[in-house]
C-alpha atoms as a PDB file:
ATOM      1  CA  MET A   1      21.192   2.718   3.531  1.00  0.00           C
ATOM      2  CA  THR A   2      20.148   3.197   0.024  1.00  0.00           C
ATOM      3  CA  ILE A   3      16.364   4.038   0.753  1.00  0.00           C
ATOM      4  CA  LYS A   4      16.229   7.502   2.310  1.00  0.00           C
ATOM      5  CA  SER A   5      12.713   7.323   3.418  1.00  0.00           C
ATOM      6  CA  LEU A   6       9.382   5.338   2.940  1.00  0.00           C
ATOM      7  CA  GLY A   7       5.710   5.797   3.466  1.00  0.00           C
ATOM      8  CA  VAL A   8       2.487   3.743   3.096  1.00  0.00           C
ATOM      9  CA  GLU A   9      -1.037   4.236   1.983  1.00  0.00           C
ATOM     10  CA  LEU A  10      -3.415   2.022   4.010  1.00  0.00           C
ATOM     11  CA  GLU A  11      -6.800   1.341   2.322  1.00  0.00           C
ATOM     12  CA  GLY A  12      -9.845   0.140   4.453  1.00  0.00           C
ATOM     13  CA  ALA A  13     -12.461   1.247   6.938  1.00  0.00           C
ATOM     14  CA  TRP A  14     -12.096   2.736  10.273  1.00  0.00           C
ATOM     15  CA  GLN A  15     -14.640   3.873  13.020  1.00  0.00           C
ATOM     16  CA  LYS A  16     -12.095   6.351  14.520  1.00  0.00           C
ATOM     17  CA  LEU A  17      -9.006   8.192  13.447  1.00  0.00           C
ATOM     18  CA  PRO A  18      -6.808  10.637  15.250  1.00  0.00           C
ATOM     19  CA  GLU A  19      -7.193  14.294  14.729  1.00  0.00           C
ATOM     20  CA  ALA A  20      -3.719  14.494  13.253  1.00  0.00           C
ATOM     21  CA  PHE A  21      -5.049  12.965  10.063  1.00  0.00           C
ATOM     22  CA  PHE A  22      -7.428  15.989   9.381  1.00  0.00           C
ATOM     23  CA  ASN A  23      -5.096  18.827  10.265  1.00  0.00           C
ATOM     24  CA  SER A  24      -4.589  20.834   7.097  1.00  0.00           C
ATOM     25  CA  GLU A  25      -1.854  22.976   8.909  1.00  0.00           C
ATOM     26  CA  ASN A  26       0.141  19.810   9.520  1.00  0.00           C
ATOM     27  CA  LYS A  27       3.489  20.411   7.626  1.00  0.00           C
ATOM     28  CA  TYR A  28       3.698  16.583   7.164  1.00  0.00           C
ATOM     29  CA  HIS A  29       0.972  16.757   4.637  1.00  0.00           C
ATOM     30  CA  MET A  30       1.189  13.124   3.705  1.00  0.00           C
ATOM     31  CA  LYS A  31      -0.287  12.129   6.893  1.00  0.00           C
ATOM     32  CA  VAL A  32      -3.813  12.410   5.913  1.00  0.00           C
ATOM     33  CA  TYR A  33      -7.208  10.568   5.542  1.00  0.00           C
ATOM     34  CA  ARG A  34      -8.995  10.743   2.190  1.00  0.00           C
ATOM     35  CA  ASN A  35     -11.954   9.051   0.554  1.00  0.00           C
ATOM     36  CA  ASP A  36     -11.055   6.553  -2.308  1.00  0.00           C
ATOM     37  CA  GLY A  37     -13.782   5.808  -4.867  1.00  0.00           C
ATOM     38  CA  SER A  38     -12.092   2.400  -5.756  1.00  0.00           C
ATOM     39  CA  LEU A  39     -13.059   0.875  -2.506  1.00  0.00           C
ATOM     40  CA  HIS A  40     -16.594  -0.722  -1.952  1.00  0.00           C
ATOM     41  CA  ASN A  41     -18.510  -3.325  -0.245  1.00  0.00           C
ATOM     42  CA  LEU A  42     -17.014  -2.591   3.141  1.00  0.00           C
ATOM     43  CA  GLU A  43     -20.376  -2.264   4.974  1.00  0.00           C
ATOM     44  CA  GLU A  44     -21.295  -4.788   7.650  1.00  0.00           C
ATOM     45  CA  LEU A  45     -24.681  -6.112   8.809  1.00  0.00           C
ATOM     46  CA  LEU A  46     -24.359  -6.029  12.674  1.00  0.00           C
ATOM     47  CA  CYS A  47     -26.580  -7.405  15.439  1.00  0.00           C
ATOM     48  CA  LYS A  48     -27.779  -4.478  17.601  1.00  0.00           C
ATOM     49  CA  THR A  49     -27.503  -6.607  20.786  1.00  0.00           C
ATOM     50  CA  CYS A  50     -23.927  -8.017  20.698  1.00  0.00           C
ATOM     51  CA  ASN A  51     -22.663  -5.562  18.052  1.00  0.00           C
ATOM     52  CA  LYS A  52     -21.066  -8.375  16.115  1.00  0.00           C
ATOM     53  CA  ASN A  53     -21.261  -9.302  12.443  1.00  0.00           C
ATOM     54  CA  THR A  54     -24.199 -11.569  11.729  1.00  0.00           C
ATOM     55  CA  ARG A  55     -21.735 -14.263  10.821  1.00  0.00           C
ATOM     56  CA  TYR A  56     -20.404 -14.145  14.535  1.00  0.00           C
ATOM     57  CA  CYS A  57     -23.397 -13.264  16.400  1.00  0.00           C
ATOM     58  CA  ILE A  58     -23.569 -14.994  19.717  1.00  0.00           C
ATOM     59  CA  CYS A  59     -27.073 -14.007  20.591  1.00  0.00           C
ATOM     60  CA  GLU A  60     -30.387 -15.839  20.611  1.00  0.00           C
ATOM     61  CA  VAL A  61     -31.921 -16.666  17.162  1.00  0.00           C
ATOM     62  CA  LYS A  62     -34.481 -14.049  17.626  1.00  0.00           C
ATOM     63  CA  ASN A  63     -31.909 -11.427  17.301  1.00  0.00           C
ATOM     64  CA  PHE A  64     -31.562 -12.093  13.665  1.00  0.00           C
ATOM     65  CA  ASP A  65     -34.892 -10.567  13.144  1.00  0.00           C
ATOM     66  CA  ASN A  66     -34.652  -7.536  10.715  1.00  0.00           C
ATOM     67  CA  ALA A  67     -35.745  -5.181  13.602  1.00  0.00           C
ATOM     68  CA  ASP A  68     -32.645  -6.202  15.514  1.00  0.00           C
ATOM     69  CA  MET A  69     -30.153  -5.788  12.727  1.00  0.00           C
ATOM     70  CA  GLU A  70     -28.491  -2.625  11.372  1.00  0.00           C
ATOM     71  CA  ASN A  71     -26.125  -1.722   8.499  1.00  0.00           C
ATOM     72  CA  ASN A  72     -22.807  -0.419  10.064  1.00  0.00           C
ATOM     73  CA  ASN A  73     -21.693   2.097   7.538  1.00  0.00           C
ATOM     74  CA  PHE A  74     -18.018   2.787   8.774  1.00  0.00           C
ATOM     75  CA  LYS A  75     -17.411   6.281   9.493  1.00  0.00           C
ATOM     76  CA  TYR A  76     -14.243   6.420   7.235  1.00  0.00           C
ATOM     77  CA  VAL A  77     -13.843   4.291   4.178  1.00  0.00           C
ATOM     78  CA  GLY A  78     -10.744   5.428   2.322  1.00  0.00           C
ATOM     79  CA  GLU A  79      -7.031   5.541   2.749  1.00  0.00           C
ATOM     80  CA  CYS A  80      -4.668   6.823   5.427  1.00  0.00           C
ATOM     81  CA  ALA A  81      -1.344   8.168   4.077  1.00  0.00           C
ATOM     82  CA  SER A  82       1.679   8.180   6.398  1.00  0.00           C
ATOM     83  CA  TYR A  83       4.383  10.639   7.216  1.00  0.00           C
ATOM     84  CA  PRO A  84       7.681  10.016   5.295  1.00  0.00           C
ATOM     85  CA  TYR A  85       9.513   7.908   7.818  1.00  0.00           C
ATOM     86  CA  PHE A  86      13.563   7.639   7.812  1.00  0.00           C
ATOM     87  CA  HIS A  87      13.578   4.582   9.955  1.00  0.00           C
ATOM     88  CA  ILE A  88      11.747   1.206   9.041  1.00  0.00           C
ATOM     89  CA  ASN A  89      10.790   0.652  12.638  1.00  0.00           C
ATOM     90  CA  ASN A  90       8.913   3.929  12.835  1.00  0.00           C
ATOM     91  CA  MET A  91       7.126   2.815   9.780  1.00  0.00           C
ATOM     92  CA  LEU A  92       6.160  -0.464  11.243  1.00  0.00           C
ATOM     93  CA  LYS A  93       4.803   1.144  14.311  1.00  0.00           C
ATOM     94  CA  PHE A  94       2.594   3.541  12.234  1.00  0.00           C
ATOM     95  CA  ILE A  95       1.073   0.437  10.611  1.00  0.00           C
ATOM     96  CA  GLU A  96       0.322  -1.084  14.078  1.00  0.00           C
ATOM     97  CA  ASP A  97      -1.296   1.969  15.203  1.00  0.00           C
ATOM     98  CA  TYR A  98      -3.448   2.913  12.182  1.00  0.00           C
ATOM     99  CA  TYR A  99      -4.104  -0.226  10.382  1.00  0.00           C
ATOM    100  CA  PRO A 100      -7.850  -0.445   9.268  1.00  0.00           C
ATOM    101  CA  ILE A 101     -10.289  -2.674  11.200  1.00  0.00           C
ATOM    102  CA  LYS A 102     -11.890  -3.884   7.939  1.00  0.00           C
ATOM    103  CA  THR A 103     -10.399  -4.706   4.571  1.00  0.00           C
ATOM    104  CA  ASN A 104     -11.467  -6.659   1.606  1.00  0.00           C
ATOM    105  CA  LYS A 105     -10.335  -7.410  -1.793  1.00  0.00           C
ATOM    106  CA  THR A 106     -10.722  -3.772  -3.117  1.00  0.00           C
ATOM    107  CA  CYS A 107      -8.268  -2.312  -0.639  1.00  0.00           C
ATOM    108  CA  GLY A 108      -4.494  -1.947  -1.354  1.00  0.00           C
ATOM    109  CA  LEU A 109      -1.390  -1.732   0.744  1.00  0.00           C
ATOM    110  CA  HIS A 110       0.755   0.900  -1.252  1.00  0.00           C
ATOM    111  CA  ILE A 111       4.349   1.379  -0.320  1.00  0.00           C
ATOM    112  CA  HIS A 112       6.464   4.391  -1.304  1.00  0.00           C
ATOM    113  CA  LEU A 113      10.197   4.224  -1.480  1.00  0.00           C
ATOM    114  CA  LYS A 114      12.491   7.231  -1.972  1.00  0.00           C
ATOM    115  CA  PRO A 115      16.025   6.435  -2.903  1.00  0.00           C
ATOM    116  CA  GLU A 116      19.108   8.330  -1.565  1.00  0.00           C
ATOM    117  CA  ASN A 117      19.640   9.938  -4.919  1.00  0.00           C
ATOM    118  CA  LEU A 118      18.828   9.987  -8.628  1.00  0.00           C
ATOM    119  CA  ASN A 119      21.290   7.313  -9.521  1.00  0.00           C
ATOM    120  CA  GLU A 120      19.571   4.913  -7.195  1.00  0.00           C
ATOM    121  CA  TYR A 121      16.212   5.887  -8.525  1.00  0.00           C
ATOM    122  CA  GLN A 122      17.533   5.174 -12.101  1.00  0.00           C
ATOM    123  CA  LYS A 123      18.554   1.683 -11.051  1.00  0.00           C
ATOM    124  CA  LEU A 124      15.191   0.928  -9.731  1.00  0.00           C
ATOM    125  CA  MET A 125      13.644   2.280 -12.891  1.00  0.00           C
ATOM    126  CA  SER A 126      14.778  -0.702 -14.837  1.00  0.00           C
ATOM    127  CA  LYS A 127      13.161  -3.820 -16.183  1.00  0.00           C
ATOM    128  CA  LYS A 128      15.636  -5.925 -14.181  1.00  0.00           C
ATOM    129  CA  PHE A 129      14.356  -4.524 -10.802  1.00  0.00           C
ATOM    130  CA  TYR A 130      10.804  -4.986 -11.846  1.00  0.00           C
ATOM    131  CA  ASN A 131      11.227  -8.541 -12.786  1.00  0.00           C
ATOM    132  CA  ASP A 132      13.434  -9.346  -9.809  1.00  0.00           C
ATOM    133  CA  PHE A 133      10.915  -7.797  -7.427  1.00  0.00           C
ATOM    134  CA  ILE A 134       7.834  -9.447  -8.690  1.00  0.00           C
ATOM    135  CA  GLN A 135       9.550 -12.773  -8.624  1.00  0.00           C
ATOM    136  CA  ALA A 136      10.791 -12.165  -5.063  1.00  0.00           C
ATOM    137  CA  VAL A 137       7.199 -11.223  -3.975  1.00  0.00           C
ATOM    138  CA  LYS A 138       6.202 -14.844  -5.201  1.00  0.00           C
ATOM    139  CA  TYR A 139       9.012 -16.561  -3.182  1.00  0.00           C
ATOM    140  CA  TRP A 140       8.046 -14.407  -0.155  1.00  0.00           C
ATOM    141  CA  ALA A 141       4.324 -15.215  -0.460  1.00  0.00           C
ATOM    142  CA  LYS A 142       5.251 -18.926  -0.423  1.00  0.00           C
ATOM    143  CA  SER A 143       7.430 -18.646   2.445  1.00  0.00           C
ATOM    144  CA  ARG A 144       4.616 -17.125   4.452  1.00  0.00           C
ATOM    145  CA  GLN A 145       2.291 -19.883   3.269  1.00  0.00           C
ATOM    146  CA  ILE A 146      -0.223 -17.405   1.905  1.00  0.00           C
ATOM    147  CA  ASN A 147      -3.160 -19.100   0.255  1.00  0.00           C
ATOM    148  CA  GLU A 148      -2.642 -19.557  -3.586  1.00  0.00           C
ATOM    149  CA  ASP A 149      -6.481 -18.271  -4.154  1.00  0.00           C
ATOM    150  CA  SER A 150      -5.845 -15.253  -2.086  1.00  0.00           C
ATOM    151  CA  GLU A 151      -5.960 -11.648  -3.263  1.00  0.00           C
ATOM    152  CA  LEU A 152      -2.175 -11.364  -3.448  1.00  0.00           C
ATOM    153  CA  TYR A 153      -1.880 -13.985  -6.005  1.00  0.00           C
ATOM    154  CA  ARG A 154      -4.974 -12.470  -8.079  1.00  0.00           C
ATOM    155  CA  ARG A 155      -2.976  -9.207  -8.010  1.00  0.00           C
ATOM    156  CA  LEU A 156       0.174 -10.922  -9.363  1.00  0.00           C
ATOM    157  CA  LYS A 157      -1.716 -12.064 -12.282  1.00  0.00           C
ATOM    158  CA  GLY A 158      -2.207  -8.385 -13.207  1.00  0.00           C
ATOM    159  CA  THR A 159      -5.911  -8.692 -14.001  1.00  0.00           C
ATOM    160  CA  MET A 160      -7.088  -5.974 -11.493  1.00  0.00           C
ATOM    161  CA  THR A 161      -7.894  -2.520 -12.725  1.00  0.00           C
ATOM    162  CA  TYR A 162      -5.583  -0.906 -10.016  1.00  0.00           C
ATOM    163  CA  CYS A 163      -2.815  -3.428 -10.050  1.00  0.00           C
ATOM    164  CA  LYS A 164      -1.757  -4.127 -13.656  1.00  0.00           C
ATOM    165  CA  LEU A 165       1.161  -6.128 -15.126  1.00  0.00           C
ATOM    166  CA  GLY A 166       3.842  -4.167 -17.164  1.00  0.00           C
ATOM    167  CA  PHE A 167       7.099  -2.218 -16.877  1.00  0.00           C
ATOM    168  CA  VAL A 168       6.427   1.268 -17.914  1.00  0.00           C
ATOM    169  CA  PRO A 169       9.331   3.749 -16.712  1.00  0.00           C
ATOM    170  CA  HIS A 170       7.741   6.863 -18.062  1.00  0.00           C
ATOM    171  CA  GLN A 171       5.200   7.707 -15.480  1.00  0.00           C
ATOM    172  CA  ASN A 172       4.108  10.811 -13.654  1.00  0.00           C
ATOM    173  CA  GLY A 173       1.852   9.509 -11.030  1.00  0.00           C
ATOM    174  CA  THR A 174      -1.408  10.510 -12.656  1.00  0.00           C
ATOM    175  CA  ASP A 175      -1.477   8.689 -16.053  1.00  0.00           C
ATOM    176  CA  SER A 176      -2.675   5.132 -16.779  1.00  0.00           C
ATOM    177  CA  PRO A 177       0.427   3.315 -15.838  1.00  0.00           C
ATOM    178  CA  HIS A 178       0.129   4.675 -12.468  1.00  0.00           C
ATOM    179  CA  TYR A 179      -2.079   1.634 -11.869  1.00  0.00           C
ATOM    180  CA  ASN A 180       0.832  -0.852 -12.543  1.00  0.00           C
ATOM    181  CA  MET A 181       2.201  -3.073  -9.907  1.00  0.00           C
ATOM    182  CA  ILE A 182       5.198  -0.698  -9.740  1.00  0.00           C
ATOM    183  CA  SER A 183       4.524   2.996 -10.462  1.00  0.00           C
ATOM    184  CA  TYR A 184       7.293   5.312 -11.105  1.00  0.00           C
ATOM    185  CA  CYS A 185       5.736   8.468  -9.825  1.00  0.00           C
ATOM    186  CA  TYR A 186       8.713  10.515  -9.634  1.00  0.00           C
ATOM    187  CA  ALA A 187       7.193  13.782 -10.992  1.00  0.00           C
ATOM    188  CA  LYS A 188       4.381  13.598  -8.452  1.00  0.00           C
ATOM    189  CA  HIS A 189       6.069  12.266  -5.175  1.00  0.00           C
ATOM    190  CA  GLY A 190       9.513  11.793  -5.959  1.00  0.00           C
ATOM    191  CA  THR A 191       9.098   7.985  -5.056  1.00  0.00           C
ATOM    192  CA  ILE A 192       8.617   4.526  -6.473  1.00  0.00           C
ATOM    193  CA  GLU A 193       5.269   3.189  -5.449  1.00  0.00           C
ATOM    194  CA  ILE A 194       4.911  -0.538  -5.021  1.00  0.00           C
ATOM    195  CA  ARG A 195       1.231  -1.439  -5.560  1.00  0.00           C
ATOM    196  CA  VAL A 196       1.178  -5.289  -5.853  1.00  0.00           C
ATOM    197  CA  PHE A 197       0.119  -5.933  -2.217  1.00  0.00           C
ATOM    198  CA  PRO A 198      -3.398  -5.988  -1.062  1.00  0.00           C
ATOM    199  CA  ALA A 199      -4.435  -4.687   2.333  1.00  0.00           C
ATOM    200  CA  PHE A 200      -4.049  -7.872   4.125  1.00  0.00           C
ATOM    201  CA  GLN A 201      -6.632  -8.869   6.783  1.00  0.00           C
ATOM    202  CA  SER A 202      -3.765  -9.591   8.995  1.00  0.00           C
ATOM    203  CA  MET A 203      -1.929  -6.347  10.169  1.00  0.00           C
ATOM    204  CA  TYR A 204       1.183  -8.583  11.028  1.00  0.00           C
ATOM    205  CA  LEU A 205       1.385  -9.719   7.458  1.00  0.00           C
ATOM    206  CA  ALA A 206       0.981  -6.172   6.127  1.00  0.00           C
ATOM    207  CA  ARG A 207       3.932  -5.225   8.298  1.00  0.00           C
ATOM    208  CA  ASP A 208       5.899  -8.183   7.070  1.00  0.00           C
ATOM    209  CA  ALA A 209       5.278  -7.210   3.465  1.00  0.00           C
ATOM    210  CA  VAL A 210       6.540  -3.642   4.130  1.00  0.00           C
ATOM    211  CA  ARG A 211       9.570  -4.984   5.882  1.00  0.00           C
ATOM    212  CA  PHE A 212      10.232  -7.414   3.135  1.00  0.00           C
ATOM    213  CA  THR A 213      10.046  -4.687   0.449  1.00  0.00           C
ATOM    214  CA  TYR A 214      12.245  -2.303   2.193  1.00  0.00           C
ATOM    215  CA  ASP A 215      14.881  -4.954   2.840  1.00  0.00           C
ATOM    216  CA  PHE A 216      14.640  -6.312  -0.647  1.00  0.00           C
ATOM    217  CA  THR A 217      15.076  -3.083  -2.250  1.00  0.00           C
ATOM    218  CA  ASN A 218      18.043  -2.073  -0.122  1.00  0.00           C
ATOM    219  CA  SER A 219      19.796  -5.369  -0.790  1.00  0.00           C
ATOM    220  CA  TRP A 220      19.044  -5.332  -4.572  1.00  0.00           C
ATOM    221  CA  LEU A 221      20.392  -1.672  -4.991  1.00  0.00           C
ATOM    222  CA  ILE A 222      23.709  -3.130  -3.056  1.00  0.00           C
ATOM    223  CA  CYS A 223      24.094  -6.063  -5.223  1.00  0.00           C
ATOM    224  CA  ASN A 224      23.382  -4.093  -8.455  1.00  0.00           C
ATOM    225  CA  ASN A 225      25.794  -1.151  -7.516  1.00  0.00           C
ATOM    226  CA  ASN A 226      27.275  -1.272 -11.032  1.00  0.00           C
ATOM    227  CA  LEU A 227      24.128  -1.420 -12.983  1.00  0.00           C
ATOM    228  CA  LYS A 228      23.898   1.142 -15.692  1.00  0.00           C
ATOM    229  CA  SER A 229      20.875   2.159 -17.790  1.00  0.00           C
ATOM    230  CA  LYS A 230      21.389   2.407 -21.556  1.00  0.00           C
ATOM    231  CA  ARG A 231      19.285   5.627 -21.526  1.00  0.00           C
ATOM    232  CA  SER A 232      17.981   8.037 -18.963  1.00  0.00           C
ATOM    233  CA  HIS A 233      14.254   7.616 -17.975  1.00  0.00           C
ATOM    234  CA  ILE A 234      14.118  10.769 -16.044  1.00  0.00           C
ATOM    235  CA  PRO A 235      13.833  14.020 -17.967  1.00  0.00           C
ATOM    236  CA  VAL A 236      16.552  16.365 -16.634  1.00  0.00           C
ATOM    237  CA  LYS A 237      14.606  19.423 -16.579  1.00  0.00           C
ATOM    238  CA  ASN A 238      12.007  17.772 -13.982  1.00  0.00           C
ATOM    239  CA  ILE A 239      14.748  16.666 -11.626  1.00  0.00           C
ATOM    240  CA  VAL A 240      13.754  18.322  -8.208  1.00  0.00           C
ATOM    241  CA  LEU A 241      14.209  16.094  -5.123  1.00  0.00           C
ATOM    242  CA  GLY A 242      11.669  17.445  -2.637  1.00  0.00           C
ATOM    243  CA  ASP A 243      10.283  15.797   0.482  1.00  0.00           C
ATOM    244  CA  LEU A 244       8.292  12.737   0.245  1.00  0.00           C
END
């Protein structure tokens, strides 16, 4: 395999999360929950009688009175970051177990890929991979019959603050290009971060997006085995391959 490990950041809202996410002593420091200021409008107006969103309330009309309604401010609104997983099936299981119960257009599904070595990272840090991957995402979206007015297509236009168009190989994970569709955050995480996907309302579609990204990137690296960059994009003095 050419991708050594992968991880995800799931953005959305939860009512409950396992204690493991808040254990500061956990050596796998990436399995954490944290607030995210870019997320908003995730509150719901619930019926106190049936505990359902007002749009799906099955109670009598009287239950729509203000006295019987309450704002459901989710206990956790932010993101959950996974362990670095070395097997795709373990990553997909993590998504099944911890996918948020509510998402909206402000929520993203960020995928971190860590190649086997610096040579593989170098290949992905190319305009060819950037263009090929974005084009492949469009084909994937059509094959899954995703609505063309959905959040994914809006992200593909590059008009979102946190998902911009543009290939910028020199990034450190904290500067402005960090918010591009593909972020080369080597200095921060040692990974390539795919930011083009929204946090789909369907957990199954999110799993499929991660599976597609993993498979496509591995296949692309194999098919472009002889690809050579005209110049190095990674400063030699910063080359330290740590854990994800």
